[in-house]
Amino acid sequence: MKFLDLLRMSSSNLWKRKVRTILTVLGVVIGVASIVVMVSLGLGLSRSLMAQYESYGSLTQIEVNEPWGDSSSEEVKRLDQDLIDEILAMEHVESVYPVLDTQAMAKYGSYEGYLQIQAIPKEAFEDMNIKVGQGQLPGNDNQLKFFYGCEVLQNFRNSKGSGGSYWETGVLPDIDLMNDPIFVIFDMDAYYNAGSTDENGQVRKPPKKYLIETCGVEEKPGEDQWSQYGWYTFCDIDQLMVELKKIFKNKPIPGQPTTKTGKPYKEIFYNRLLVNVDSMDYVVEIQNHLKDSGYNAYSQAEWVESEQKTMGYIQAVLGGIGAVSLFVAAIGITNTMMMSIYERTKEIGVMKVLGCDLRNIRSLFLMEAGFIGFIGGVIGLILSFILSAVVNHVASTMSENMTDMSGISYIPIWLVFLSLIFAILVGMVAGFFPARRAMKLSPLAAIRNE
């Protein structure tokens, strides 16, 4: 018997018993839809979690800091160029960017504002995906220039009169960071101690102000969005190091370690190193190596790895709940096929008497069971996409201004094919024992049966 003959006979037999077939298929539809929707919820939550972690920083980046301890100790492991070269020699490390953190006070007229300065190599700005609203990113000029985050202006306050700060008035100061002349004071200690007397009774003078040009300003994000770079002021690390050495000549640079006698080191050490790895699979391995070497190392990947295990358990539980429905559907398929065999006993006997191969008889019933699984799987997937769209719409509506939940249910293409194949296999497995029973029927007994 040819395959097309088996296909035609199995579809015809199912069509003759439409009501029973529809009810059996309905069980598969519910089972497949339950599994797909449940698993899609787990996948959607996992994807949302990954997107949230990515918004906090790159998942393939490691932040390296100095070990805890006395910063004046000679034995403290410093973050310098030698360490950068050592990390770059590690396998799977793509790049290492040093970061120099410092503070300063910006002044414009009667306004003053606290600046958190992050200095990095100009190559690093390309990986940060900072959206430029005005001007350009730092590092394209031969002099020190600042790039202001979109929220920096909120740190300015009117130091004279009753203007107050943005947090007191709710009104941003009338300052154009891009075009107005912004003076910067780097010696914060001298700034706060100006006017007081030293140990010799001398009045401390205010520190020198430096006119620092602006190279750019970050673009303001949309409503209900935020920027992780908004509160920082960025500049090129080489240019800042040159400027700090000039300003604090033979004096300790704020934020830099000193010797036990309080004297500054000849070189400037970095506050942090940003290590970029070529794949998230190796981030934790490299991170642990740096920790074993005595440094403090942190990455998003270690949290993601833990969360992925948790989400895997959640997906397994959700999938298991849906699988119960499909198991019930499999029982329904078995029952349908057994009833079909009892009703077609004589037909089976005639087929055997005419010399039909036993394997063809088995294939016929397995194909009918597989058909039920296939039809139920297709309809179940269609229902799954409809339910998924409804869930996403409801979640998006309910979340409003909170975290975006529009993708809480996510059905990837592999889940579609896997669910369909699984439904067919469940149908064929459920029909296997009825098919074996059909093979073992005695031809003469089957023909005598009425």
Protein backbone atom coordinates (compact mmCIF):
# COMPACT_ATOMS: atom_id res chain seq x y z
CA MET A 1 0.00 0.00 0.00
CA LYS A 2 1.46 3.35 -1.06
CA PHE A 3 1.92 6.33 1.25
CA LEU A 4 -0.71 8.37 -0.60
CA ASP A 5 -3.19 5.51 -0.20
CA LEU A 6 -2.55 5.45 3.55
CA LEU A 7 -2.90 9.21 3.68
CA ARG A 8 -6.20 9.15 1.79
CA MET A 9 -7.64 6.29 3.88
CA SER A 10 -6.64 7.82 7.24
CA SER A 11 -8.09 11.25 6.39
CA SER A 12 -11.27 9.62 5.07
CA ASN A 13 -11.72 7.54 8.25
CA LEU A 14 -11.30 10.62 10.44
CA TRP A 15 -13.80 12.55 8.32
CA LYS A 16 -16.40 9.77 8.68
CA ARG A 17 -16.35 10.25 12.44
CA LYS A 18 -16.32 14.05 12.48
CA VAL A 19 -17.76 14.68 15.94
CA ARG A 20 -15.38 12.28 17.68
CA THR A 21 -12.44 13.62 15.68
CA ILE A 22 -13.32 17.25 16.47
CA LEU A 23 -13.61 16.53 20.20
CA THR A 24 -10.29 14.66 20.21
CA VAL A 25 -8.59 17.42 18.21
CA LEU A 26 -10.01 19.99 20.66
CA GLY A 27 -8.15 18.25 23.49
CA VAL A 28 -4.89 18.54 21.54
CA VAL A 29 -5.61 22.20 20.74
CA ILE A 30 -6.02 23.01 24.42
CA GLY A 31 -2.90 21.03 25.31
CA VAL A 32 -0.68 22.65 22.66
CA ALA A 33 -2.01 26.14 23.39
CA SER A 34 -1.41 25.61 27.12
CA ILE A 35 2.20 24.53 26.61
CA VAL A 36 3.04 27.24 24.07
CA VAL A 37 1.49 30.09 26.06
CA MET A 38 3.03 28.91 29.33
CA VAL A 39 6.50 28.55 27.81
CA SER A 40 6.10 31.88 25.96
CA LEU A 41 5.44 33.60 29.29
CA GLY A 42 8.69 32.19 30.67
CA LEU A 43 10.61 33.19 27.54
CA GLY A 44 9.05 36.66 27.57
CA LEU A 45 9.98 37.23 31.20
CA SER A 46 13.51 36.01 30.50
CA ARG A 47 13.84 38.31 27.49
CA SER A 48 12.51 41.30 29.46
CA LEU A 49 15.00 40.54 32.21
CA MET A 50 17.88 40.40 29.71
CA ALA A 51 16.78 43.71 28.17
CA GLN A 52 16.66 45.26 31.64
CA TYR A 53 20.19 44.08 32.43
CA GLU A 54 21.43 45.35 29.06
CA SER A 55 20.02 48.79 29.87
CA TYR A 56 22.22 48.85 32.98
CA GLY A 57 25.33 48.10 30.94
CA SER A 58 26.93 45.68 28.52
CA LEU A 59 26.54 41.99 29.34
CA THR A 60 30.03 41.28 28.00
CA GLN A 61 31.79 43.94 30.06
CA ILE A 62 33.68 43.52 33.33
CA GLU A 63 34.43 46.40 35.66
CA VAL A 64 37.74 46.03 37.53
CA ASN A 65 38.53 48.02 40.68
CA GLU A 66 41.42 48.13 43.10
CA PRO A 67 41.28 45.63 45.99
CA TRP A 68 40.05 46.90 49.34
CA GLY A 69 42.76 48.05 51.67
CA ASP A 70 45.03 50.93 52.62
CA SER A 71 45.35 53.04 49.46
CA SER A 72 48.68 54.41 50.65
CA SER A 73 50.23 50.97 50.97
CA GLU A 74 52.96 50.12 48.48
CA GLU A 75 51.59 46.58 48.21
CA VAL A 76 48.17 47.61 46.89
CA LYS A 77 47.60 46.40 43.34
CA ARG A 78 47.23 49.51 41.17
CA LEU A 79 45.27 49.88 37.99
CA ASP A 80 47.90 50.97 35.50
CA GLN A 81 49.07 50.35 31.95
CA ASP A 82 50.96 47.21 32.95
CA LEU A 83 47.72 45.64 34.18
CA ILE A 84 45.94 46.70 30.99
CA ASP A 85 48.59 44.95 28.90
CA GLU A 86 48.30 41.85 31.09
CA ILE A 87 44.50 41.68 30.67
CA LEU A 88 44.71 42.30 26.92
CA ALA A 89 46.93 39.22 26.66
CA MET A 90 44.10 37.05 28.04
CA GLU A 91 42.14 34.91 25.62
CA HIS A 92 38.69 36.25 24.58
CA VAL A 93 39.46 39.81 25.76
CA GLU A 94 38.67 42.30 23.00
CA SER A 95 39.59 45.60 24.61
CA VAL A 96 40.35 47.27 27.94
CA TYR A 97 39.39 50.89 28.61
CA PRO A 98 40.77 52.78 31.63
CA VAL A 99 38.45 55.13 33.51
CA LEU A 100 39.54 58.13 35.58
CA ASP A 101 36.88 59.52 37.94
CA THR A 102 37.14 62.96 39.48
CA GLN A 103 34.95 65.77 40.75
CA ALA A 104 34.77 69.44 39.95
CA MET A 105 32.65 72.52 40.45
CA ALA A 106 31.30 74.32 37.38
CA LYS A 107 30.49 78.03 37.53
CA TYR A 108 28.56 80.35 35.25
CA GLY A 109 27.68 83.76 36.57
CA SER A 110 25.95 83.29 39.91
CA TYR A 111 25.26 79.62 39.15
CA GLU A 112 27.41 76.75 40.32
CA GLY A 113 26.99 73.04 39.71
CA TYR A 114 28.63 69.85 40.92
CA LEU A 115 30.22 67.74 38.15
CA GLN A 116 30.89 64.00 38.25
CA ILE A 117 33.61 63.63 35.64
CA GLN A 118 34.35 60.36 33.87
CA ALA A 119 37.40 60.38 31.63
CA ILE A 120 37.84 57.50 29.18
CA PRO A 121 39.69 56.94 25.89
CA LYS A 122 37.91 58.35 22.85
CA GLU A 123 37.62 54.82 21.39
CA ALA A 124 35.40 53.84 24.33
CA PHE A 125 32.75 56.41 23.46
CA GLU A 126 31.91 54.48 20.31
CA ASP A 127 30.90 51.43 22.38
CA MET A 128 28.80 53.43 24.84
CA ASN A 129 26.09 54.38 22.32
CA ILE A 130 25.65 57.84 23.80
CA LYS A 131 23.05 59.81 21.86
CA VAL A 132 24.48 63.20 20.94
CA GLY A 133 21.99 66.07 21.09
CA GLN A 134 24.43 68.91 20.30
CA GLY A 135 28.03 68.99 19.17
CA GLN A 136 30.15 65.84 19.22
CA LEU A 137 31.76 63.33 21.57
CA PRO A 138 35.11 64.13 23.27
CA GLY A 139 38.53 63.24 21.97
CA ASN A 140 38.38 64.86 18.55
CA ASP A 141 40.32 67.95 19.60
CA ASN A 142 43.80 68.55 21.00
CA GLN A 143 42.52 70.29 24.10
CA LEU A 144 40.38 69.30 27.05
CA LYS A 145 36.67 69.66 26.34
CA PHE A 146 33.62 68.45 28.24
CA PHE A 147 30.61 66.50 27.05
CA TYR A 148 27.66 66.99 29.40
CA GLY A 149 25.01 64.42 30.21
CA CYS A 150 21.40 65.44 29.69
CA GLU A 151 20.69 65.77 33.43
CA VAL A 152 23.81 67.70 34.51
CA LEU A 153 22.01 71.04 34.32
CA GLN A 154 19.80 69.93 37.24
CA ASN A 155 22.87 70.04 39.51
CA PHE A 156 23.29 73.80 39.05
CA ARG A 157 22.00 76.20 41.67
CA ASN A 158 22.00 79.93 42.16
CA SER A 159 24.65 80.56 44.82
CA LYS A 160 23.50 84.17 45.26
CA GLY A 161 20.02 85.42 45.95
CA SER A 162 16.97 83.22 46.46
CA GLY A 163 16.98 81.38 43.15
CA GLY A 164 17.76 78.03 44.72
CA SER A 165 18.32 74.77 42.84
CA TYR A 166 16.19 72.88 40.36
CA TRP A 167 15.15 70.48 43.14
CA GLU A 168 13.79 73.41 45.14
CA THR A 169 12.14 75.40 42.37
CA GLY A 170 11.44 72.80 39.66
CA VAL A 171 12.85 75.25 37.12
CA LEU A 172 16.09 74.61 35.23
CA PRO A 173 18.66 77.44 35.33
CA ASP A 174 18.97 79.63 32.27
CA ILE A 175 22.28 78.14 31.12
CA ASP A 176 23.26 76.99 27.64
CA LEU A 177 25.91 74.38 28.35
CA MET A 178 26.85 74.21 24.69
CA ASN A 179 27.52 77.91 24.10
CA ASP A 180 27.84 79.70 27.45
CA PRO A 181 31.35 79.99 28.96
CA ILE A 182 31.59 77.41 31.76
CA PHE A 183 34.42 77.83 34.28
CA VAL A 184 35.57 74.73 36.17
CA ILE A 185 37.26 74.43 39.56
CA PHE A 186 39.14 71.13 39.93
CA ASP A 187 40.56 71.73 43.44
CA MET A 188 37.39 71.02 45.41
CA ASP A 189 39.12 71.10 48.83
CA ALA A 190 40.50 74.55 48.17
CA TYR A 191 37.09 75.69 46.92
CA TYR A 192 35.24 74.65 50.09
CA ASN A 193 38.03 75.89 52.41
CA ALA A 194 38.43 79.26 50.71
CA GLY A 195 38.19 82.10 53.23
CA SER A 196 39.14 79.98 56.20
CA THR A 197 42.49 80.21 57.98
CA ASP A 198 45.20 77.58 57.80
CA GLU A 199 47.42 76.32 60.62
CA ASN A 200 49.65 79.38 60.18
CA GLY A 201 46.74 81.78 60.51
CA GLN A 202 46.77 82.68 56.83
CA VAL A 203 43.50 83.12 54.95
CA ARG A 204 43.12 80.47 52.30
CA LYS A 205 42.67 81.85 48.81
CA PRO A 206 40.00 80.58 46.41
CA PRO A 207 41.31 78.14 43.78
CA LYS A 208 41.88 79.05 40.18
CA LYS A 209 39.04 78.66 37.68
CA TYR A 210 39.62 77.19 34.22
CA LEU A 211 37.53 77.90 31.17
CA ILE A 212 36.66 74.50 29.71
CA GLU A 213 34.97 74.48 26.36
CA THR A 214 31.99 72.22 25.64
CA CYS A 215 32.28 69.74 22.80
CA GLY A 216 28.73 68.36 23.10
CA VAL A 217 25.60 67.69 25.12
CA GLU A 218 23.70 64.42 25.36
CA GLU A 219 20.28 64.14 23.76
CA LYS A 220 17.39 64.23 26.22
CA PRO A 221 15.54 60.87 26.21
CA GLY A 222 11.80 60.64 25.68
CA GLU A 223 9.17 60.87 28.38
CA ASP A 224 9.25 58.05 30.96
CA GLN A 225 12.78 57.13 29.81
CA TRP A 226 16.13 57.72 31.43
CA SER A 227 19.78 57.76 30.46
CA GLN A 228 22.46 55.98 32.45
CA TYR A 229 24.93 58.67 31.34
CA GLY A 230 22.69 61.67 32.11
CA TRP A 231 24.34 62.76 35.37
CA TYR A 232 27.95 62.49 34.21
CA THR A 233 30.36 64.82 32.47
CA PHE A 234 32.65 63.04 30.02
CA CYS A 235 36.06 63.92 28.58
CA ASP A 236 39.10 62.31 26.99
CA ILE A 237 41.26 60.60 29.61
CA ASP A 238 44.64 61.59 28.11
CA GLN A 239 43.66 65.25 27.91
CA LEU A 240 42.34 65.28 31.49
CA MET A 241 45.50 63.62 32.84
CA VAL A 242 47.65 66.26 31.17
CA GLU A 243 45.48 69.03 32.60
CA LEU A 244 45.43 67.58 36.13
CA LYS A 245 49.21 67.26 36.18
CA LYS A 246 49.47 70.96 35.30
CA ILE A 247 46.88 72.08 37.86
CA PHE A 248 48.14 69.93 40.77
CA LYS A 249 51.85 70.16 40.07
CA ASN A 250 53.71 68.50 42.99
CA LYS A 251 50.39 68.30 44.87
CA PRO A 252 48.10 65.30 45.48
CA ILE A 253 45.42 64.98 42.84
CA PRO A 254 41.94 64.44 44.36
CA GLY A 255 40.93 60.81 44.18
CA GLN A 256 44.49 59.63 43.60
CA PRO A 257 46.44 57.52 46.13
CA THR A 258 49.35 59.04 48.01
CA THR A 259 52.37 57.65 49.79
CA LYS A 260 52.41 57.16 53.56
CA THR A 261 54.01 60.59 53.85
CA GLY A 262 51.15 62.16 51.85
CA LYS A 263 53.15 62.79 48.70
CA PRO A 264 51.67 62.06 45.26
CA TYR A 265 52.93 59.32 42.99
CA LYS A 266 54.62 60.29 39.74
CA GLU A 267 52.00 58.57 37.60
CA ILE A 268 48.23 58.84 37.66
CA PHE A 269 46.46 55.56 38.44
CA TYR A 270 43.10 54.65 36.98
CA ASN A 271 40.00 54.32 39.15
CA ARG A 272 38.45 51.56 37.08
CA LEU A 273 39.09 49.36 34.07
CA LEU A 274 36.34 48.31 31.65
CA VAL A 275 37.18 44.91 30.15
CA ASN A 276 35.22 43.92 27.04
CA VAL A 277 34.94 40.18 26.32
CA ASP A 278 34.06 38.70 22.91
CA SER A 279 31.29 36.45 24.31
CA MET A 280 29.15 36.36 27.45
CA ASP A 281 30.12 32.69 27.82
CA TYR A 282 33.61 33.71 28.97
CA VAL A 283 32.77 36.76 31.10
CA VAL A 284 32.42 34.93 34.42
CA GLU A 285 35.57 32.89 33.73
CA ILE A 286 37.69 36.02 33.13
CA GLN A 287 36.02 37.80 36.02
CA ASN A 288 36.92 34.97 38.41
CA HIS A 289 40.50 35.02 37.14
CA LEU A 290 40.76 38.73 37.95
CA LYS A 291 39.29 38.14 41.39
CA ASP A 292 41.82 35.37 42.03
CA SER A 293 44.54 37.86 41.06
CA GLY A 294 43.43 40.13 43.92
CA TYR A 295 41.25 42.67 42.13
CA ASN A 296 37.59 43.52 42.64
CA ALA A 297 35.74 42.53 39.46
CA TYR A 298 32.05 42.98 38.72
CA SER A 299 29.86 42.22 35.72
CA GLN A 300 26.20 41.98 34.79
CA ALA A 301 26.84 38.46 33.46
CA GLU A 302 27.18 36.88 36.91
CA TRP A 303 23.71 38.12 37.83
CA VAL A 304 22.31 37.11 34.45
CA GLU A 305 23.72 33.58 34.83
CA SER A 306 21.96 33.19 38.16
CA GLU A 307 18.71 34.66 36.84
CA GLN A 308 18.82 32.42 33.76
CA LYS A 309 18.92 29.33 35.97
CA THR A 310 15.93 30.64 37.92
CA MET A 311 14.05 31.45 34.71
CA GLY A 312 14.87 27.96 33.42
CA TYR A 313 13.14 26.45 36.45
CA ILE A 314 10.16 28.76 35.95
CA GLN A 315 9.89 27.78 32.27
CA ALA A 316 10.07 24.10 33.20
CA VAL A 317 7.26 24.52 35.74
CA LEU A 318 5.10 26.51 33.30
CA GLY A 319 5.77 23.98 30.54
CA GLY A 320 4.93 21.14 32.92
CA ILE A 321 1.59 22.74 33.75
CA GLY A 322 0.77 22.96 30.04
CA ALA A 323 2.00 19.40 29.45
CA VAL A 324 -0.69 18.07 31.79
CA SER A 325 -3.32 19.25 29.31
CA LEU A 326 -1.52 17.57 26.44
CA PHE A 327 -1.22 14.36 28.47
CA VAL A 328 -5.00 14.38 28.95
CA ALA A 329 -5.35 14.94 25.20
CA ALA A 330 -3.09 11.93 24.56
CA ILE A 331 -5.44 9.78 26.64
CA GLY A 332 -8.29 11.08 24.50
CA ILE A 333 -6.43 10.11 21.31
CA THR A 334 -5.81 6.60 22.67
CA ASN A 335 -9.48 6.24 23.55
CA THR A 336 -10.56 7.45 20.11
CA MET A 337 -8.24 5.04 18.32
CA MET A 338 -9.33 2.11 20.49
CA MET A 339 -12.98 2.85 19.76
CA SER A 340 -12.11 3.14 16.07
CA ILE A 341 -10.52 -0.33 16.12
CA TYR A 342 -13.57 -1.89 17.79
CA GLU A 343 -15.85 -0.30 15.20
CA ARG A 344 -13.63 -1.33 12.26
CA THR A 345 -12.80 -4.86 13.37
CA LYS A 346 -14.40 -6.40 10.28
CA GLU A 347 -12.63 -3.90 8.00
CA ILE A 348 -9.29 -4.84 9.57
CA GLY A 349 -10.07 -8.55 9.09
CA VAL A 350 -10.88 -8.03 5.39
CA MET A 351 -7.62 -6.13 4.90
CA LYS A 352 -5.68 -9.01 6.43
CA VAL A 353 -7.49 -11.66 4.37
CA LEU A 354 -6.71 -9.68 1.21
CA GLY A 355 -3.01 -9.85 2.13
CA CYS A 356 -2.48 -6.33 3.44
CA ASP A 357 0.91 -6.02 5.14
CA LEU A 358 0.67 -5.78 8.95
CA ARG A 359 3.00 -2.79 8.84
CA ASN A 360 0.54 -0.97 6.58
CA ILE A 361 -2.27 -1.60 9.08
CA ARG A 362 -0.09 -0.24 11.85
CA SER A 363 0.92 2.75 9.71
CA LEU A 364 -2.73 3.48 8.91
CA PHE A 365 -3.71 3.87 12.57
CA LEU A 366 -0.52 5.67 13.48
CA MET A 367 -1.14 8.10 10.63
CA GLU A 368 -4.68 8.75 11.86
CA ALA A 369 -3.35 9.47 15.35
CA GLY A 370 -0.61 11.67 13.87
CA PHE A 371 -3.22 13.53 11.83
CA ILE A 372 -5.13 14.33 15.00
CA GLY A 373 -1.92 15.62 16.59
CA PHE A 374 -1.03 17.67 13.49
CA ILE A 375 -4.44 19.32 13.12
CA GLY A 376 -4.64 19.99 16.85
CA GLY A 377 -1.09 21.37 16.81
CA VAL A 378 -1.78 23.81 13.96
CA ILE A 379 -5.01 25.10 15.49
CA GLY A 380 -3.36 25.19 18.92
CA LEU A 381 -0.53 27.37 17.57
CA ILE A 382 -3.00 29.77 15.97
CA LEU A 383 -4.83 29.99 19.29
CA SER A 384 -1.49 30.49 21.06
CA PHE A 385 -0.59 33.51 18.93
CA ILE A 386 -4.02 35.02 19.57
CA LEU A 387 -3.73 34.47 23.34
CA SER A 388 -0.15 35.78 23.31
CA ALA A 389 -1.27 38.99 21.57
CA VAL A 390 -4.09 39.43 24.09
CA VAL A 391 -1.75 38.86 27.05
CA ASN A 392 0.79 41.37 25.69
CA HIS A 393 -1.91 43.96 25.04
CA VAL A 394 -3.41 43.59 28.52
CA ALA A 395 0.05 43.66 30.17
CA SER A 396 1.04 46.75 28.16
CA THR A 397 -2.19 48.51 29.12
CA MET A 398 -1.86 47.65 32.81
CA SER A 399 1.84 48.59 33.05
CA GLU A 400 1.24 52.15 31.73
CA ASN A 401 4.19 54.22 32.98
CA MET A 402 5.91 51.35 34.74
CA THR A 403 8.35 48.86 33.20
CA ASP A 404 7.48 47.96 29.61
CA MET A 405 5.60 44.64 29.75
CA SER A 406 4.41 44.60 26.12
CA GLY A 407 6.58 41.54 25.37
CA ILE A 408 5.69 39.44 28.40
CA SER A 409 4.62 36.61 26.06
CA TYR A 410 7.18 35.75 23.38
CA ILE A 411 6.80 32.90 20.87
CA PRO A 412 10.04 32.28 18.90
CA ILE A 413 10.03 30.34 15.63
CA TRP A 414 11.77 27.33 17.21
CA LEU A 415 8.92 27.00 19.72
CA VAL A 416 6.41 26.91 16.83
CA PHE A 417 8.13 24.01 15.05
CA LEU A 418 8.95 22.18 18.28
CA SER A 419 5.33 22.38 19.47
CA LEU A 420 3.99 21.09 16.14
CA ILE A 421 6.44 18.19 16.04
CA PHE A 422 5.71 17.40 19.68
CA ALA A 423 1.95 17.36 19.03
CA ILE A 424 2.39 14.93 16.13
CA LEU A 425 4.67 12.68 18.20
CA VAL A 426 2.22 12.69 21.11
CA GLY A 427 -0.54 11.67 18.72
CA MET A 428 1.51 8.84 17.23
CA VAL A 429 2.69 7.59 20.63
CA ALA A 430 -0.91 7.65 21.89
CA GLY A 431 -1.95 5.66 18.83
CA PHE A 432 0.87 3.15 19.04
CA PHE A 433 -0.83 0.60 21.34
CA PRO A 434 -4.17 0.74 19.49
CA ALA A 435 -2.22 0.19 16.25
CA ARG A 436 -0.49 -2.87 17.75
CA ARG A 437 -3.86 -4.22 18.81
CA ALA A 438 -5.11 -3.81 15.24
CA MET A 439 -2.09 -5.79 13.98
CA LYS A 440 -2.74 -8.68 16.38
CA LEU A 441 -6.42 -9.15 15.55
CA SER A 442 -7.22 -12.60 14.14
CA PRO A 443 -8.46 -12.26 10.51
CA LEU A 444 -11.18 -14.97 10.85
CA ALA A 445 -12.39 -13.70 14.23
CA ALA A 446 -12.46 -10.17 12.86
CA ILE A 447 -14.56 -11.19 9.80
CA ARG A 448 -17.06 -13.14 11.96
CA ASN A 449 -17.47 -10.16 14.27
CA GLU A 450 -20.61 -8.12 13.57
